[in-house]
Amino acid sequence: MDKAGFGAYLKERELPEEALAASVSIAEAFERFLSDAARPAAAKATADDVNAFSLQMIEKGTNGWDDYVALIRYGRFVGNDAVHIAALELIDGAEALDNLHAKLGAAIGESARDEIFEGIDLPPLGTPNVDKPKVMAEVMRRLEASVDPEICARVIGSGLRYLEDAWFADAKTKYEESGGIDAYLERKGKDFIAELAKHRDEGTLFFSQPITDEVIDYVKRHPEVKAGVREGNVIHEAKIPHQAVRFLATDDPQERAHHYCHCPWVKASLQDGPSDVSPTFCSCSAAFHKKPYEVIFGRELKAEVLETVLAGDPWCRFAIHLPEDVV
């Protein structure tokens, strides 16, 4: 591997020396793994290669968060989107089941929580996403069989992701500069289209997906995806497909559902047919969508799932209830 080149790449990102050395070590381990297994070098490695390496990382105890960030950066460095995306998706949302475990303990007591999770091992960081839905499906089956639906909705709807308020400070600033919710939504939509166009023009990824003219046209045609649509004090939002290029390339409902879904705990379960994971779990996604507005207004808000591909709907759509006094 180009150890010096990768080191220089990391220095440009102002990594401290200790973190830089650890990142180079992970990249070297990845290249050795590929070589020993007679797999292509990192520049031509696949998602399957990354997943196989991740299992080795778990076995060796080198599956820390920073180790996967190093792998993400190495994928970028060698110009291989497959490595970059696969490593990113191994940690994206990985905290959800751990947080459900913790929040359930607080909501129903640790003893009752432990009964639900009896015999279920919480997947370690780096578990390939293809293995996650069967765990979540069983947890949700037990949860809904033993816990009041209102409690299920409250716990999952509180959000299972780590979302820092500081990450959404820009949304609050833009809202205050806009002078009202309608002007804010208009600005939000324009900014989103501009962001997508920049990725298209520069050939970069929007999180884990490429952007084309067709994707931008899709977003423009769907205002609930573009920015959200206000009806009174309720904003209706829908997700951009997780892999929009693939989503738009097929008319098959099941394929579209699979390419639409963002959730690492669910997505793989949609590949070969309807998912076994309860749609109740999508309340976590509703919580993700309401978070910017909670930061904007400085209070907890209600959000609900209106449609979800887990329930056979064509997309995932949410209602976010704003404070009554919003103008």
Protein backbone atom coordinates (compact mmCIF):
# COMPACT_ATOMS: atom_id res chain seq x y z
CA MET A 1 0.00 0.00 0.00
CA ASP A 2 1.01 3.64 -0.38
CA LYS A 3 1.71 4.15 3.30
CA ALA A 4 3.32 7.55 2.84
CA GLY A 5 0.52 8.76 0.59
CA PHE A 6 -2.20 7.66 2.98
CA GLY A 7 -0.31 9.25 5.87
CA ALA A 8 -0.13 12.55 3.98
CA TYR A 9 -3.85 12.26 3.18
CA LEU A 10 -4.60 11.87 6.89
CA LYS A 11 -2.32 14.76 7.84
CA GLU A 12 -4.37 17.01 5.57
CA ARG A 13 -7.32 16.14 7.83
CA GLU A 14 -5.30 17.22 10.86
CA LEU A 15 -5.32 13.86 12.60
CA PRO A 16 -3.06 13.67 15.63
CA GLU A 17 -0.01 11.46 15.18
CA GLU A 18 -1.36 8.64 17.34
CA ALA A 19 -4.64 8.49 15.44
CA LEU A 20 -2.80 8.77 12.13
CA ALA A 21 -0.57 5.81 12.98
CA ALA A 22 -3.57 3.73 14.08
CA SER A 23 -5.41 4.53 10.84
CA VAL A 24 -2.43 3.51 8.71
CA SER A 25 -2.20 0.29 10.73
CA ILE A 26 -5.83 -0.58 9.93
CA ALA A 27 -5.27 0.12 6.23
CA GLU A 28 -2.19 -2.11 6.25
CA ALA A 29 -4.18 -4.86 7.99
CA PHE A 30 -6.89 -4.56 5.34
CA GLU A 31 -4.38 -4.89 2.52
CA ARG A 32 -2.75 -7.91 4.22
CA PHE A 33 -6.15 -9.53 4.66
CA LEU A 34 -6.96 -9.04 0.99
CA SER A 35 -3.60 -10.39 -0.10
CA ASP A 36 -3.69 -13.42 2.22
CA ALA A 37 -7.18 -14.31 1.03
CA ALA A 38 -6.21 -13.88 -2.65
CA ARG A 39 -8.70 -11.04 -2.96
CA PRO A 40 -8.20 -7.89 -5.08
CA ALA A 41 -6.22 -5.04 -3.54
CA ALA A 42 -8.19 -2.26 -1.84
CA ALA A 43 -8.52 -0.18 -5.00
CA LYS A 44 -10.64 -2.96 -6.51
CA ALA A 45 -12.10 -4.54 -3.33
CA THR A 46 -15.83 -5.10 -2.95
CA ALA A 47 -18.35 -4.70 -0.16
CA ASP A 48 -18.07 -8.44 0.45
CA ASP A 49 -14.34 -8.01 1.01
CA VAL A 50 -14.99 -5.26 3.56
CA ASN A 51 -17.59 -7.36 5.37
CA ALA A 52 -15.23 -10.33 5.53
CA PHE A 53 -12.47 -8.11 6.91
CA SER A 54 -14.90 -6.70 9.45
CA LEU A 55 -15.61 -10.16 10.80
CA GLN A 56 -11.86 -10.59 11.27
CA MET A 57 -11.72 -7.21 13.03
CA ILE A 58 -14.45 -8.35 15.41
CA GLU A 59 -12.59 -11.59 16.11
CA LYS A 60 -9.35 -9.73 16.83
CA GLY A 61 -11.00 -6.95 18.82
CA THR A 62 -9.95 -4.22 16.41
CA ASN A 63 -13.55 -3.24 15.66
CA GLY A 64 -13.56 0.15 17.35
CA TRP A 65 -15.39 3.12 15.87
CA ASP A 66 -12.15 4.83 14.85
CA ASP A 67 -10.99 1.65 13.11
CA TYR A 68 -13.98 1.79 10.76
CA VAL A 69 -13.53 5.51 10.22
CA ALA A 70 -9.96 4.70 9.15
CA LEU A 71 -11.31 2.15 6.68
CA ILE A 72 -13.80 4.69 5.33
CA ARG A 73 -10.96 7.15 4.79
CA TYR A 74 -8.80 4.52 3.15
CA GLY A 75 -11.61 3.75 0.72
CA ARG A 76 -11.71 7.41 -0.19
CA PHE A 77 -7.93 7.55 -0.50
CA VAL A 78 -7.73 4.64 -2.95
CA GLY A 79 -10.74 5.97 -4.87
CA ASN A 80 -12.92 2.95 -4.22
CA ASP A 81 -16.51 3.95 -3.40
CA ALA A 82 -17.41 0.31 -2.67
CA VAL A 83 -14.94 0.19 0.24
CA HIS A 84 -15.91 3.65 1.46
CA ILE A 85 -19.65 2.88 1.40
CA ALA A 86 -19.37 -0.62 2.87
CA ALA A 87 -17.27 0.59 5.80
CA LEU A 88 -19.62 3.52 6.37
CA GLU A 89 -22.67 1.27 6.42
CA LEU A 90 -21.07 -1.03 8.99
CA ILE A 91 -21.21 1.76 11.58
CA ASP A 92 -24.17 3.83 10.38
CA GLY A 93 -26.95 3.38 12.93
CA ALA A 94 -25.05 0.61 14.69
CA GLU A 95 -26.05 2.05 18.05
CA ALA A 96 -29.80 1.51 17.56
CA LEU A 97 -30.20 -1.88 19.24
CA ASP A 98 -27.91 -0.97 22.14
CA ASN A 99 -29.96 2.19 22.69
CA LEU A 100 -33.23 0.25 22.50
CA HIS A 101 -31.84 -2.13 25.12
CA ALA A 102 -30.90 0.77 27.41
CA LYS A 103 -34.12 2.75 26.91
CA LEU A 104 -36.29 -0.28 27.49
CA GLY A 105 -34.51 -0.90 30.77
CA ALA A 106 -35.39 2.61 31.88
CA ALA A 107 -38.99 2.38 30.62
CA ILE A 108 -40.11 -1.08 31.80
CA GLY A 109 -37.38 -2.11 34.23
CA GLU A 110 -34.23 -4.09 33.62
CA SER A 111 -35.79 -7.40 34.61
CA ALA A 112 -38.62 -7.13 32.08
CA ARG A 113 -36.17 -5.84 29.49
CA ASP A 114 -33.84 -8.78 30.10
CA GLU A 115 -36.71 -11.23 29.51
CA ILE A 116 -37.26 -9.71 26.08
CA PHE A 117 -33.57 -9.95 25.25
CA GLU A 118 -33.01 -13.38 26.79
CA GLY A 119 -30.77 -15.45 24.52
CA ILE A 120 -30.20 -12.53 22.17
CA ASP A 121 -26.65 -11.26 21.82
CA LEU A 122 -26.32 -7.61 20.91
CA PRO A 123 -24.39 -7.62 17.60
CA PRO A 124 -20.89 -6.16 17.97
CA LEU A 125 -19.88 -3.06 16.05
CA GLY A 126 -19.05 -4.00 12.49
CA THR A 127 -21.59 -6.81 12.17
CA PRO A 128 -22.50 -7.00 8.46
CA ASN A 129 -25.88 -5.43 7.85
CA VAL A 130 -27.19 -8.60 6.24
CA ASP A 131 -27.10 -10.22 9.69
CA LYS A 132 -28.91 -7.45 11.57
CA PRO A 133 -32.57 -7.73 10.46
CA LYS A 134 -33.10 -11.22 11.89
CA VAL A 135 -31.97 -9.98 15.31
CA MET A 136 -34.16 -6.88 15.17
CA ALA A 137 -37.14 -8.86 13.89
CA GLU A 138 -37.00 -11.18 16.90
CA VAL A 139 -36.52 -8.33 19.36
CA MET A 140 -39.50 -6.46 17.91
CA ARG A 141 -41.65 -9.61 17.92
CA ARG A 142 -40.96 -10.16 21.61
CA LEU A 143 -41.30 -6.48 22.43
CA GLU A 144 -44.71 -6.08 20.82
CA ALA A 145 -45.92 -9.33 22.38
CA SER A 146 -45.10 -8.25 25.92
CA VAL A 147 -45.10 -4.44 26.13
CA ASP A 148 -47.98 -1.99 25.83
CA PRO A 149 -48.09 -0.48 22.33
CA GLU A 150 -48.00 3.03 23.77
CA ILE A 151 -44.74 2.26 25.56
CA CYS A 152 -43.28 0.67 22.40
CA ALA A 153 -44.14 3.78 20.40
CA ARG A 154 -42.77 6.11 23.07
CA VAL A 155 -39.47 4.28 23.48
CA ILE A 156 -38.75 3.79 19.78
CA GLY A 157 -40.22 7.16 18.88
CA SER A 158 -37.80 8.87 21.25
CA GLY A 159 -35.08 7.95 18.75
CA LEU A 160 -32.45 5.21 18.82
CA ARG A 161 -29.68 7.12 17.06
CA TYR A 162 -27.00 9.29 18.61
CA LEU A 163 -28.00 12.75 17.38
CA GLU A 164 -26.21 15.70 18.93
CA ASP A 165 -28.08 19.02 19.01
CA ALA A 166 -24.93 20.70 17.70
CA TRP A 167 -25.26 18.78 14.44
CA PHE A 168 -28.46 20.70 13.69
CA ALA A 169 -27.36 24.16 14.77
CA ASP A 170 -27.22 25.21 11.12
CA ALA A 171 -30.93 24.39 10.72
CA LYS A 172 -31.75 26.61 13.70
CA THR A 173 -29.67 29.46 12.29
CA LYS A 174 -31.33 29.20 8.88
CA TYR A 175 -34.78 29.14 10.46
CA GLU A 176 -34.03 32.28 12.48
CA GLU A 177 -32.61 34.01 9.41
CA SER A 178 -35.64 33.00 7.32
CA GLY A 179 -38.13 34.65 9.66
CA GLY A 180 -40.77 31.94 9.54
CA ILE A 181 -41.44 28.29 8.83
CA ASP A 182 -42.62 28.71 5.23
CA ALA A 183 -39.59 30.76 4.25
CA TYR A 184 -37.38 28.26 6.03
CA LEU A 185 -38.86 25.33 4.10
CA GLU A 186 -38.35 27.18 0.83
CA ARG A 187 -34.69 27.83 1.72
CA LYS A 188 -34.24 24.27 2.92
CA GLY A 189 -35.47 22.93 -0.43
CA LYS A 190 -33.21 25.23 -2.46
CA ASP A 191 -30.22 24.32 -0.33
CA PHE A 192 -30.92 20.61 -0.71
CA ILE A 193 -31.13 20.83 -4.49
CA ALA A 194 -27.91 22.86 -4.55
CA GLU A 195 -26.17 20.27 -2.37
CA LEU A 196 -27.29 17.44 -4.64
CA ALA A 197 -26.23 19.36 -7.74
CA LYS A 198 -22.77 19.91 -6.24
CA HIS A 199 -22.37 16.16 -5.68
CA ARG A 200 -23.55 15.49 -9.23
CA ASP A 201 -21.16 18.04 -10.73
CA GLU A 202 -18.15 16.93 -8.66
CA GLY A 203 -18.85 13.21 -8.95
CA THR A 204 -18.94 12.79 -5.16
CA LEU A 205 -21.31 10.80 -3.02
CA PHE A 206 -24.29 12.12 -1.09
CA PHE A 207 -23.64 10.01 2.01
CA SER A 208 -23.50 6.62 0.27
CA GLN A 209 -25.10 7.28 -3.10
CA PRO A 210 -24.19 8.92 -6.40
CA ILE A 211 -26.36 11.76 -7.65
CA THR A 212 -27.57 12.13 -11.25
CA ASP A 213 -29.91 14.48 -13.11
CA GLU A 214 -32.64 11.88 -12.72
CA VAL A 215 -32.23 11.84 -8.95
CA ILE A 216 -32.42 15.62 -8.75
CA ASP A 217 -35.52 15.62 -10.96
CA TYR A 218 -37.12 13.06 -8.64
CA VAL A 219 -36.45 15.24 -5.60
CA LYS A 220 -37.80 18.32 -7.37
CA ARG A 221 -41.02 16.45 -8.25
CA HIS A 222 -41.59 15.43 -4.64
CA PRO A 223 -41.75 18.45 -2.35
CA GLU A 224 -42.07 16.22 0.72
CA VAL A 225 -38.63 14.83 -0.15
CA LYS A 226 -37.20 18.17 -1.21
CA ALA A 227 -38.01 20.09 1.97
CA GLY A 228 -41.28 19.02 3.53
CA VAL A 229 -44.83 20.28 3.06
CA ARG A 230 -46.55 22.27 5.78
CA GLU A 231 -50.23 21.80 6.55
CA GLY A 232 -51.10 23.96 9.53
CA ASN A 233 -48.67 23.07 12.29
CA VAL A 234 -47.78 19.71 10.72
CA ILE A 235 -44.92 19.13 8.30
CA HIS A 236 -45.05 16.08 6.05
CA GLU A 237 -41.63 14.76 5.04
CA ALA A 238 -40.46 11.77 3.03
CA LYS A 239 -37.00 10.33 2.60
CA ILE A 240 -34.90 10.52 -0.52
CA PRO A 241 -34.34 6.89 -1.59
CA HIS A 242 -31.22 5.39 -0.04
CA GLN A 243 -29.97 4.37 -3.47
CA ALA A 244 -32.02 6.60 -5.74
CA VAL A 245 -30.32 5.66 -9.02
CA ARG A 246 -31.20 2.00 -8.49
CA PHE A 247 -34.63 2.88 -7.14
CA LEU A 248 -35.46 4.85 -10.28
CA ALA A 249 -34.08 2.13 -12.59
CA THR A 250 -36.71 -0.47 -11.68
CA ASP A 251 -40.50 -0.75 -11.60
CA ASP A 252 -40.48 -3.85 -9.39
CA PRO A 253 -42.13 -2.88 -6.06
CA GLN A 254 -39.90 -5.15 -3.98
CA GLU A 255 -36.70 -3.93 -5.56
CA ARG A 256 -37.85 -0.35 -5.11
CA ALA A 257 -38.58 -0.98 -1.43
CA HIS A 258 -35.11 -2.45 -0.95
CA HIS A 259 -33.37 0.44 -2.69
CA TYR A 260 -35.54 3.00 -0.88
CA CYS A 261 -34.90 1.85 2.69
CA HIS A 262 -32.09 3.56 4.64
CA CYS A 263 -32.14 1.53 7.84
CA PRO A 264 -29.18 -0.86 8.34
CA TRP A 265 -31.34 -2.95 10.70
CA VAL A 266 -34.00 -3.48 8.04
CA LYS A 267 -32.73 -2.91 4.50
CA ALA A 268 -31.30 -6.38 3.83
CA SER A 269 -34.57 -8.00 4.90
CA LEU A 270 -36.37 -6.33 1.97
CA GLN A 271 -34.11 -7.81 -0.69
CA ASP A 272 -35.98 -11.06 -1.26
CA GLY A 273 -39.50 -10.22 -0.16
CA PRO A 274 -41.50 -8.51 2.58
CA SER A 275 -39.51 -7.82 5.73
CA ASP A 276 -39.98 -9.70 8.99
CA VAL A 277 -39.20 -6.55 10.98
CA SER A 278 -42.27 -4.83 12.41
CA PRO A 279 -43.09 -1.43 10.88
CA THR A 280 -43.29 -0.15 14.46
CA PHE A 281 -39.50 0.06 14.32
CA CYS A 282 -39.81 2.86 11.75
CA SER A 283 -40.79 5.21 14.59
CA CYS A 284 -37.04 5.51 15.05
CA SER A 285 -36.83 7.06 11.59
CA ALA A 286 -39.67 9.45 12.44
CA ALA A 287 -37.60 10.57 15.43
CA PHE A 288 -34.67 11.25 13.10
CA HIS A 289 -36.84 13.51 10.94
CA LYS A 290 -38.20 15.53 13.85
CA LYS A 291 -34.78 16.15 15.42
CA PRO A 292 -33.89 19.31 13.44
CA TYR A 293 -37.21 20.86 14.42
CA GLU A 294 -36.68 19.98 18.06
CA VAL A 295 -33.40 21.87 17.91
CA ILE A 296 -35.03 24.76 16.04
CA PHE A 297 -37.83 25.17 18.58
CA GLY A 298 -35.96 23.98 21.64
CA ARG A 299 -38.54 21.45 22.76
CA GLU A 300 -39.56 17.84 22.30
CA LEU A 301 -41.98 17.28 19.44
CA LYS A 302 -44.27 14.51 18.26
CA ALA A 303 -43.66 12.66 15.00
CA GLU A 304 -45.51 9.74 13.48
CA VAL A 305 -45.05 7.30 10.64
CA LEU A 306 -47.62 7.78 7.90
CA GLU A 307 -46.21 5.34 5.35
CA THR A 308 -43.27 2.94 5.30
CA VAL A 309 -41.89 0.44 2.85
CA LEU A 310 -41.88 -2.09 5.71
CA ALA A 311 -45.67 -2.01 5.57
CA GLY A 312 -45.74 -2.30 1.78
CA ASP A 313 -46.06 1.42 1.07
CA PRO A 314 -44.15 2.96 -1.85
CA TRP A 315 -42.06 5.25 0.36
CA CYS A 316 -41.39 6.33 3.95
CA ARG A 317 -43.38 9.39 4.95
CA PHE A 318 -43.69 11.12 8.30
CA ALA A 319 -45.74 13.79 10.05
CA ILE A 320 -43.88 16.18 12.34
CA HIS A 321 -46.09 18.14 14.70
CA LEU A 322 -44.73 21.64 15.29
CA PRO A 323 -45.65 23.85 18.24
CA GLU A 324 -49.12 25.39 17.90
CA ASP A 325 -47.72 28.94 17.88
CA VAL A 326 -45.44 28.46 14.85
CA VAL A 327 -45.93 30.99 12.07
